């Protein structure tokens, strides 16, 4: 009985420790001189529980030379430019 209870407590602790939500991101940038094709490359992953992973195509637009765009700090604040079901 003690062994079963200890196993249950240990399993609960492991489950709680592995369920902790951590945000982890990776960014990779390669300059033109460092790539074999001579082209610069970049990639980024957002591994978080509350990120908005939808992709929306934003049509090209003309803006005034002095136009500004807000910098958004969190993905849930992103403006939606397209329709999503």
PDB file of N, CA and C in Angstrom:
ATOM      1  N   UNK A   1       0.820  -1.195   0.000  1.00  0.00           N
ATOM      2  CA  UNK A   1       0.000   0.000   0.000  1.00  0.00           C
ATOM      3  C   UNK A   1       0.861   1.255   0.000  1.00  0.00           C
ATOM      4  N   UNK A   2       1.920   1.247   0.817  1.00  0.00           N
ATOM      5  CA  UNK A   2       2.815   2.398   0.873  1.00  0.00           C
ATOM      6  C   UNK A   2       3.515   2.598  -0.471  1.00  0.00           C
ATOM      7  N   UNK A   3       3.905   1.479  -1.100  1.00  0.00           N
ATOM      8  CA  UNK A   3       4.572   1.571  -2.400  1.00  0.00           C
ATOM      9  C   UNK A   3       3.624   2.160  -3.442  1.00  0.00           C
ATOM     10  N   UNK A   4       2.369   1.730  -3.440  1.00  0.00           N
ATOM     11  CA  UNK A   4       1.373   2.239  -4.386  1.00  0.00           C
ATOM     12  C   UNK A   4       1.127   3.724  -4.168  1.00  0.00           C
ATOM     13  N   UNK A   5       1.013   4.126  -2.911  1.00  0.00           N
ATOM     14  CA  UNK A   5       0.796   5.540  -2.599  1.00  0.00           C
ATOM     15  C   UNK A   5       2.008   6.375  -3.020  1.00  0.00           C
ATOM     16  N   UNK A   6       3.210   5.868  -2.761  1.00  0.00           N
ATOM     17  CA  UNK A   6       4.431   6.581  -3.158  1.00  0.00           C
ATOM     18  C   UNK A   6       4.513   6.720  -4.670  1.00  0.00           C
ATOM     19  N   UNK A   7       4.154   5.659  -5.372  1.00  0.00           N
ATOM     20  CA  UNK A   7       4.162   5.700  -6.834  1.00  0.00           C
ATOM     21  C   UNK A   7       3.145   6.707  -7.353  1.00  0.00           C
ATOM     22  N   UNK A   8       1.985   6.762  -6.734  1.00  0.00           N
ATOM     23  CA  UNK A   8       0.949   7.707  -7.133  1.00  0.00           C
ATOM     24  C   UNK A   8       1.399   9.145  -6.906  1.00  0.00           C
ATOM     25  N   UNK A   9       2.002   9.412  -5.760  1.00  0.00           N
ATOM     26  CA  UNK A   9       2.498  10.763  -5.459  1.00  0.00           C
ATOM     27  C   UNK A   9       3.618  11.140  -6.424  1.00  0.00           C
ATOM     28  N   UNK A  10       4.540  10.223  -6.678  1.00  0.00           N
ATOM     29  CA  UNK A  10       5.634  10.504  -7.608  1.00  0.00           C
ATOM     30  C   UNK A  10       5.100  10.772  -9.008  1.00  0.00           C
ATOM     31  N   UNK A  11       4.121  10.002  -9.444  1.00  0.00           N
ATOM     32  CA  UNK A  11       3.524  10.215 -10.768  1.00  0.00           C
ATOM     33  C   UNK A  11       2.843  11.573 -10.846  1.00  0.00           C
ATOM     34  N   UNK A  12       2.153  11.957  -9.787  1.00  0.00           N
ATOM     35  CA  UNK A  12       1.487  13.262  -9.768  1.00  0.00           C
ATOM     36  C   UNK A  12       2.505  14.392  -9.824  1.00  0.00           C
ATOM     37  N   UNK A  13       3.613  14.246  -9.105  1.00  0.00           N
ATOM     38  CA  UNK A  13       4.655  15.278  -9.128  1.00  0.00           C
ATOM     39  C   UNK A  13       5.300  15.396 -10.504  1.00  0.00           C
ATOM     40  N   UNK A  14       5.566  14.267 -11.142  1.00  0.00           N
ATOM     41  CA  UNK A  14       6.141  14.292 -12.491  1.00  0.00           C
ATOM     42  C   UNK A  14       5.165  14.927 -13.471  1.00  0.00           C
ATOM     43  N   UNK A  15       3.895  14.571 -13.365  1.00  0.00           N
ATOM     44  CA  UNK A  15       2.887  15.142 -14.262  1.00  0.00           C
ATOM     45  C   UNK A  15       2.775  16.645 -14.062  1.00  0.00           C
ATOM     46  N   UNK A  16       2.808  17.092 -12.819  1.00  0.00           N
ATOM     47  CA  UNK A  16       2.716  18.529 -12.542  1.00  0.00           C
ATOM     48  C   UNK A  16       3.945  19.261 -13.056  1.00  0.00           C
ATOM     49  N   UNK A  17       5.113  18.662 -12.905  1.00  0.00           N
ATOM     50  CA  UNK A  17       6.346  19.311 -13.351  1.00  0.00           C
ATOM     51  C   UNK A  17       6.421  19.399 -14.867  1.00  0.00           C
ATOM     52  N   UNK A  18       5.943  18.383 -15.560  1.00  0.00           N
ATOM     53  CA  UNK A  18       6.019  18.398 -17.021  1.00  0.00           C
ATOM     54  C   UNK A  18       4.882  19.179 -17.643  1.00  0.00           C
ATOM     55  N   UNK A  19       3.838  19.459 -16.885  1.00  0.00           N
ATOM     56  CA  UNK A  19       2.698  20.205 -17.414  1.00  0.00           C
ATOM     57  C   UNK A  19       2.902  21.713 -17.313  1.00  0.00           C
ATOM     58  N   UNK A  20       3.927  22.143 -16.604  1.00  0.00           N
ATOM     59  CA  UNK A  20       4.166  23.581 -16.447  1.00  0.00           C
ATOM     60  C   UNK A  20       4.306  24.224 -17.816  1.00  0.00           C
ATOM     61  N   UNK A  21       3.584  25.303 -18.026  1.00  0.00           N
ATOM     62  CA  UNK A  21       3.594  25.977 -19.320  1.00  0.00           C
ATOM     63  C   UNK A  21       4.783  26.919 -19.398  1.00  0.00           C
ATOM     64  N   UNK A  22       5.663  26.642 -20.287  1.00  0.00           N
ATOM     65  CA  UNK A  22       6.827  27.489 -20.517  1.00  0.00           C
ATOM     66  C   UNK A  22       6.804  27.947 -21.960  1.00  0.00           C
ATOM     67  N   UNK A  23       7.106  29.198 -22.178  1.00  0.00           N
ATOM     68  CA  UNK A  23       7.198  29.716 -23.537  1.00  0.00           C
ATOM     69  C   UNK A  23       8.644  29.609 -23.994  1.00  0.00           C
ATOM     70  N   UNK A  24       8.840  28.933 -25.087  1.00  0.00           N
ATOM     71  CA  UNK A  24      10.183  28.760 -25.647  1.00  0.00           C
ATOM     72  C   UNK A  24      10.133  29.154 -27.113  1.00  0.00           C
ATOM     73  N   UNK A  25      11.041  29.994 -27.517  1.00  0.00           N
ATOM     74  CA  UNK A  25      11.115  30.427 -28.912  1.00  0.00           C
ATOM     75  C   UNK A  25      12.520  30.174 -29.427  1.00  0.00           C
ATOM     76  N   UNK A  26      12.628  29.971 -30.718  1.00  0.00           N
ATOM     77  CA  UNK A  26      13.914  29.792 -31.370  1.00  0.00           C
ATOM     78  C   UNK A  26      13.956  30.681 -32.597  1.00  0.00           C
ATOM     79  N   UNK A  27      15.028  31.433 -32.742  1.00  0.00           N
ATOM     80  CA  UNK A  27      15.219  32.258 -33.931  1.00  0.00           C
ATOM     81  C   UNK A  27      16.542  31.857 -34.571  1.00  0.00           C
ATOM     82  N   UNK A  28      16.530  31.657 -35.881  1.00  0.00           N
ATOM     83  CA  UNK A  28      17.735  31.303 -36.626  1.00  0.00           C
ATOM     84  C   UNK A  28      17.877  32.283 -37.775  1.00  0.00           C
ATOM     85  N   UNK A  29      19.027  32.923 -37.850  1.00  0.00           N
ATOM     86  CA  UNK A  29      19.307  33.856 -38.938  1.00  0.00           C
ATOM     87  C   UNK A  29      20.627  33.455 -39.585  1.00  0.00           C
ATOM     88  N   UNK A  30      20.661  33.409 -40.899  1.00  0.00           N
ATOM     89  CA  UNK A  30      21.866  33.056 -41.649  1.00  0.00           C
ATOM     90  C   UNK A  30      22.126  34.163 -42.655  1.00  0.00           C
ATOM     91  N   UNK A  31      23.306  34.740 -42.604  1.00  0.00           N
ATOM     92  CA  UNK A  31      23.664  35.796 -43.550  1.00  0.00           C
ATOM     93  C   UNK A  31      24.001  35.221 -44.916  1.00  0.00           C
ATOM     94  N   UNK A  32      23.982  36.076 -45.929  1.00  0.00           N
ATOM     95  CA  UNK A  32      24.242  35.635 -47.304  1.00  0.00           C
ATOM     96  C   UNK A  32      25.620  34.987 -47.441  1.00  0.00           C
ATOM     97  N   UNK A  33      26.612  35.502 -46.736  1.00  0.00           N
ATOM     98  CA  UNK A  33      27.963  34.941 -46.834  1.00  0.00           C
ATOM     99  C   UNK A  33      28.104  33.615 -46.088  1.00  0.00           C
ATOM    100  N   UNK A  34      27.158  33.289 -45.221  1.00  0.00           N
ATOM    101  CA  UNK A  34      27.235  32.047 -44.448  1.00  0.00           C
ATOM    102  C   UNK A  34      26.412  30.918 -45.051  1.00  0.00           C
ATOM    103  N   UNK A  35      25.602  31.202 -46.057  1.00  0.00           N
ATOM    104  CA  UNK A  35      24.772  30.149 -46.651  1.00  0.00           C
ATOM    105  C   UNK A  35      25.420  29.608 -47.918  1.00  0.00           C
ATOM    106  N   UNK A  36      25.132  28.359 -48.229  1.00  0.00           N
ATOM    107  CA  UNK A  36      25.731  27.751 -49.420  1.00  0.00           C
ATOM    108  C   UNK A  36      25.122  28.287 -50.706  1.00  0.00           C
ATOM    109  N   UNK A  37      23.902  28.814 -50.635  1.00  0.00           N
ATOM    110  CA  UNK A  37      23.254  29.345 -51.835  1.00  0.00           C
ATOM    111  C   UNK A  37      23.519  30.833 -52.035  1.00  0.00           C
ATOM    112  N   UNK A  38      24.109  31.484 -51.039  1.00  0.00           N
ATOM    113  CA  UNK A  38      24.350  32.919 -51.137  1.00  0.00           C
ATOM    114  C   UNK A  38      23.122  33.753 -50.802  1.00  0.00           C
ATOM    115  N   UNK A  39      22.093  33.119 -50.277  1.00  0.00           N
ATOM    116  CA  UNK A  39      20.865  33.838 -49.923  1.00  0.00           C
ATOM    117  C   UNK A  39      20.744  33.927 -48.401  1.00  0.00           C
ATOM    118  N   UNK A  40      20.348  35.078 -47.892  1.00  0.00           N
ATOM    119  CA  UNK A  40      20.098  35.158 -46.450  1.00  0.00           C
ATOM    120  C   UNK A  40      18.827  34.391 -46.102  1.00  0.00           C
ATOM    121  N   UNK A  41      18.787  33.833 -44.900  1.00  0.00           N
ATOM    122  CA  UNK A  41      17.618  33.064 -44.465  1.00  0.00           C
ATOM    123  C   UNK A  41      17.293  33.417 -43.021  1.00  0.00           C
ATOM    124  N   UNK A  42      16.030  33.309 -42.681  1.00  0.00           N
ATOM    125  CA  UNK A  42      15.608  33.494 -41.298  1.00  0.00           C
ATOM    126  C   UNK A  42      14.417  32.591 -41.004  1.00  0.00           C
ATOM    127  N   UNK A  43      14.330  32.137 -39.779  1.00  0.00           N
ATOM    128  CA  UNK A  43      13.185  31.355 -39.334  1.00  0.00           C
ATOM    129  C   UNK A  43      12.965  31.612 -37.855  1.00  0.00           C
ATOM    130  N   UNK A  44      11.754  31.361 -37.403  1.00  0.00           N
ATOM    131  CA  UNK A  44      11.416  31.622 -36.004  1.00  0.00           C
ATOM    132  C   UNK A  44      10.296  30.674 -35.593  1.00  0.00           C
ATOM    133  N   UNK A  45      10.402  30.115 -34.406  1.00  0.00           N
ATOM    134  CA  UNK A  45       9.316  29.292 -33.875  1.00  0.00           C
ATOM    135  C   UNK A  45       8.760  29.942 -32.623  1.00  0.00           C
ATOM    136  N   UNK A  46       7.479  29.812 -32.440  1.00  0.00           N
ATOM    137  CA  UNK A  46       6.811  30.267 -31.219  1.00  0.00           C
ATOM    138  C   UNK A  46       6.191  29.047 -30.571  1.00  0.00           C
ATOM    139  N   UNK A  47       6.806  28.573 -29.533  1.00  0.00           N
ATOM    140  CA  UNK A  47       6.307  27.398 -28.828  1.00  0.00           C
ATOM    141  C   UNK A  47       5.667  27.850 -27.520  1.00  0.00           C
ATOM    142  N   UNK A  48       4.441  28.288 -27.616  1.00  0.00           N
ATOM    143  CA  UNK A  48       3.767  28.747 -26.403  1.00  0.00           C
ATOM    144  C   UNK A  48       2.313  28.291 -26.422  1.00  0.00           C
ATOM    145  N   UNK A  49       1.725  28.292 -25.258  1.00  0.00           N
ATOM    146  CA  UNK A  49       0.365  27.782 -25.138  1.00  0.00           C
ATOM    147  C   UNK A  49      -0.697  28.782 -25.563  1.00  0.00           C
ATOM    148  N   UNK A  50      -0.348  30.065 -25.636  1.00  0.00           N
ATOM    149  CA  UNK A  50      -1.363  31.069 -25.960  1.00  0.00           C
ATOM    150  C   UNK A  50      -1.066  31.811 -27.258  1.00  0.00           C
ATOM    151  N   UNK A  51      -0.151  31.307 -28.066  1.00  0.00           N
ATOM    152  CA  UNK A  51       0.187  31.982 -29.325  1.00  0.00           C
ATOM    153  C   UNK A  51      -0.913  31.781 -30.362  1.00  0.00           C
ATOM    154  N   UNK A  52      -1.029  32.725 -31.253  1.00  0.00           N
ATOM    155  CA  UNK A  52      -1.979  32.642 -32.358  1.00  0.00           C
ATOM    156  C   UNK A  52      -1.200  32.157 -33.575  1.00  0.00           C
ATOM    157  N   UNK A  53      -1.373  30.892 -33.943  1.00  0.00           N
ATOM    158  CA  UNK A  53      -0.589  30.301 -35.019  1.00  0.00           C
ATOM    159  C   UNK A  53      -1.260  30.409 -36.383  1.00  0.00           C
ATOM    160  N   UNK A  54      -2.382  31.120 -36.458  1.00  0.00           N
ATOM    161  CA  UNK A  54      -3.055  31.264 -37.743  1.00  0.00           C
ATOM    162  C   UNK A  54      -2.210  32.125 -38.678  1.00  0.00           C
ATOM    163  N   UNK A  55      -2.272  31.819 -39.956  1.00  0.00           N
ATOM    164  CA  UNK A  55      -1.567  32.597 -40.969  1.00  0.00           C
ATOM    165  C   UNK A  55      -2.611  33.297 -41.821  1.00  0.00           C
ATOM    166  N   UNK A  56      -2.443  34.585 -41.989  1.00  0.00           N
ATOM    167  CA  UNK A  56      -3.386  35.377 -42.772  1.00  0.00           C
ATOM    168  C   UNK A  56      -2.598  36.142 -43.824  1.00  0.00           C
ATOM    169  N   UNK A  57      -3.023  36.060 -45.069  1.00  0.00           N
ATOM    170  CA  UNK A  57      -2.382  36.820 -46.137  1.00  0.00           C
ATOM    171  C   UNK A  57      -2.915  38.251 -46.091  1.00  0.00           C
ATOM    172  N   UNK A  58      -2.001  39.199 -45.973  1.00  0.00           N
ATOM    173  CA  UNK A  58      -2.370  40.615 -45.937  1.00  0.00           C
ATOM    174  C   UNK A  58      -2.075  41.194 -47.314  1.00  0.00           C
ATOM    175  N   UNK A  59      -3.088  41.699 -48.022  1.00  0.00           N
ATOM    176  CA  UNK A  59      -2.857  42.259 -49.348  1.00  0.00           C
ATOM    177  C   UNK A  59      -1.951  43.489 -49.285  1.00  0.00           C
ATOM    178  N   UNK A  60      -1.211  43.708 -50.346  1.00  0.00           N
ATOM    179  CA  UNK A  60      -0.344  44.886 -50.427  1.00  0.00           C
ATOM    180  C   UNK A  60      -1.185  46.152 -50.328  1.00  0.00           C
ATOM    181  N   UNK A  61      -0.635  47.157 -49.672  1.00  0.00           N
ATOM    182  CA  UNK A  61      -1.335  48.422 -49.492  1.00  0.00           C
ATOM    183  C   UNK A  61      -0.361  49.569 -49.708  1.00  0.00           C
ATOM    184  N   UNK A  62      -0.884  50.710 -50.077  1.00  0.00           N
ATOM    185  CA  UNK A  62      -0.072  51.922 -50.183  1.00  0.00           C
ATOM    186  C   UNK A  62      -0.259  52.742 -48.913  1.00  0.00           C
ATOM    187  N   UNK A  63       0.834  53.218 -48.369  1.00  0.00           N
ATOM    188  CA  UNK A  63       0.796  54.004 -47.142  1.00  0.00           C
ATOM    189  C   UNK A  63       1.507  55.330 -47.371  1.00  0.00           C
ATOM    190  N   UNK A  64       1.113  56.316 -46.616  1.00  0.00           N
ATOM    191  CA  UNK A  64       1.786  57.617 -46.675  1.00  0.00           C
ATOM    192  C   UNK A  64       3.221  57.452 -46.179  1.00  0.00           C
ATOM    193  N   UNK A  65       4.152  58.274 -46.683  1.00  0.00           N
ATOM    194  CA  UNK A  65       5.557  58.143 -46.267  1.00  0.00           C
ATOM    195  C   UNK A  65       5.753  58.267 -44.754  1.00  0.00           C
ATOM    196  N   UNK A  66       4.895  59.012 -44.075  1.00  0.00           N
ATOM    197  CA  UNK A  66       5.049  59.194 -42.631  1.00  0.00           C
ATOM    198  C   UNK A  66       4.103  58.292 -41.824  1.00  0.00           C
ATOM    199  N   UNK A  67       3.545  57.275 -42.458  1.00  0.00           N
ATOM    200  CA  UNK A  67       2.602  56.378 -41.776  1.00  0.00           C
ATOM    201  C   UNK A  67       3.338  55.533 -40.740  1.00  0.00           C
ATOM    202  N   UNK A  68       2.658  55.260 -39.637  1.00  0.00           N
ATOM    203  CA  UNK A  68       3.224  54.450 -38.561  1.00  0.00           C
ATOM    204  C   UNK A  68       2.353  53.225 -38.329  1.00  0.00           C
ATOM    205  N   UNK A  69       2.961  52.196 -37.793  1.00  0.00           N
ATOM    206  CA  UNK A  69       2.236  50.965 -37.468  1.00  0.00           C
ATOM    207  C   UNK A  69       2.538  50.613 -36.021  1.00  0.00           C
ATOM    208  N   UNK A  70       1.528  50.215 -35.257  1.00  0.00           N
ATOM    209  CA  UNK A  70       1.723  49.853 -33.856  1.00  0.00           C
ATOM    210  C   UNK A  70       2.598  48.610 -33.730  1.00  0.00           C
ATOM    211  N   UNK A  71       3.456  48.601 -32.725  1.00  0.00           N
ATOM    212  CA  UNK A  71       4.231  47.418 -32.385  1.00  0.00           C
ATOM    213  C   UNK A  71       3.441  46.666 -31.321  1.00  0.00           C
ATOM    214  N   UNK A  72       3.117  45.422 -31.608  1.00  0.00           N
ATOM    215  CA  UNK A  72       2.277  44.625 -30.720  1.00  0.00           C
ATOM    216  C   UNK A  72       3.176  43.743 -29.858  1.00  0.00           C
ATOM    217  N   UNK A  73       2.973  43.777 -28.552  1.00  0.00           N
ATOM    218  CA  UNK A  73       3.832  43.031 -27.639  1.00  0.00           C
ATOM    219  C   UNK A  73       3.371  41.602 -27.399  1.00  0.00           C
ATOM    220  N   UNK A  74       2.093  41.328 -27.543  1.00  0.00           N
ATOM    221  CA  UNK A  74       1.580  39.980 -27.278  1.00  0.00           C
ATOM    222  C   UNK A  74       0.694  39.540 -28.426  1.00  0.00           C
ATOM    223  N   UNK A  75       0.732  38.250 -28.752  1.00  0.00           N
ATOM    224  CA  UNK A  75       0.007  37.756 -29.922  1.00  0.00           C
ATOM    225  C   UNK A  75      -1.494  37.943 -29.817  1.00  0.00           C
ATOM    226  N   UNK A  76      -2.065  37.938 -28.610  1.00  0.00           N
ATOM    227  CA  UNK A  76      -3.509  38.108 -28.500  1.00  0.00           C
ATOM    228  C   UNK A  76      -3.941  39.541 -28.782  1.00  0.00           C
ATOM    229  N   UNK A  77      -2.981  40.468 -28.901  1.00  0.00           N
ATOM    230  CA  UNK A  77      -3.290  41.853 -29.253  1.00  0.00           C
ATOM    231  C   UNK A  77      -3.158  42.122 -30.750  1.00  0.00           C
ATOM    232  N   UNK A  78      -2.700  41.122 -31.529  1.00  0.00           N
ATOM    233  CA  UNK A  78      -2.503  41.334 -32.958  1.00  0.00           C
ATOM    234  C   UNK A  78      -3.813  41.726 -33.624  1.00  0.00           C
ATOM    235  N   UNK A  79      -3.776  42.717 -34.491  1.00  0.00           N
ATOM    236  CA  UNK A  79      -4.995  43.019 -35.256  1.00  0.00           C
ATOM    237  C   UNK A  79      -5.243  41.912 -36.274  1.00  0.00           C
ATOM    238  N   UNK A  80      -6.487  41.607 -36.552  1.00  0.00           N
ATOM    239  CA  UNK A  80      -6.833  40.588 -37.530  1.00  0.00           C
ATOM    240  C   UNK A  80      -7.093  41.273 -38.860  1.00  0.00           C
ATOM    241  N   UNK A  81      -6.310  40.946 -39.861  1.00  0.00           N
ATOM    242  CA  UNK A  81      -6.444  41.546 -41.181  1.00  0.00           C
ATOM    243  C   UNK A  81      -7.328  40.719 -42.103  1.00  0.00           C
ATOM    244  N   UNK A  82      -7.552  39.490 -41.788  1.00  0.00           N
ATOM    245  CA  UNK A  82      -8.315  38.617 -42.671  1.00  0.00           C
ATOM    246  C   UNK A  82      -9.426  37.923 -41.930  1.00  0.00           C
ATOM    247  N   UNK A  83     -10.170  37.124 -42.655  1.00  0.00           N
ATOM    248  CA  UNK A  83     -11.267  36.370 -42.048  1.00  0.00           C
ATOM    249  C   UNK A  83     -10.791  34.966 -41.722  1.00  0.00           C
ATOM    250  N   UNK A  84     -11.219  34.459 -40.611  1.00  0.00           N
ATOM    251  CA  UNK A  84     -10.863  33.111 -40.206  1.00  0.00           C
ATOM    252  C   UNK A  84     -12.118  32.430 -39.686  1.00  0.00           C
ATOM    253  N   UNK A  85     -12.371  31.226 -40.123  1.00  0.00           N
ATOM    254  CA  UNK A  85     -13.605  30.557 -39.669  1.00  0.00           C
ATOM    255  C   UNK A  85     -13.611  30.303 -38.174  1.00  0.00           C
TER     256      UNK A  85
END
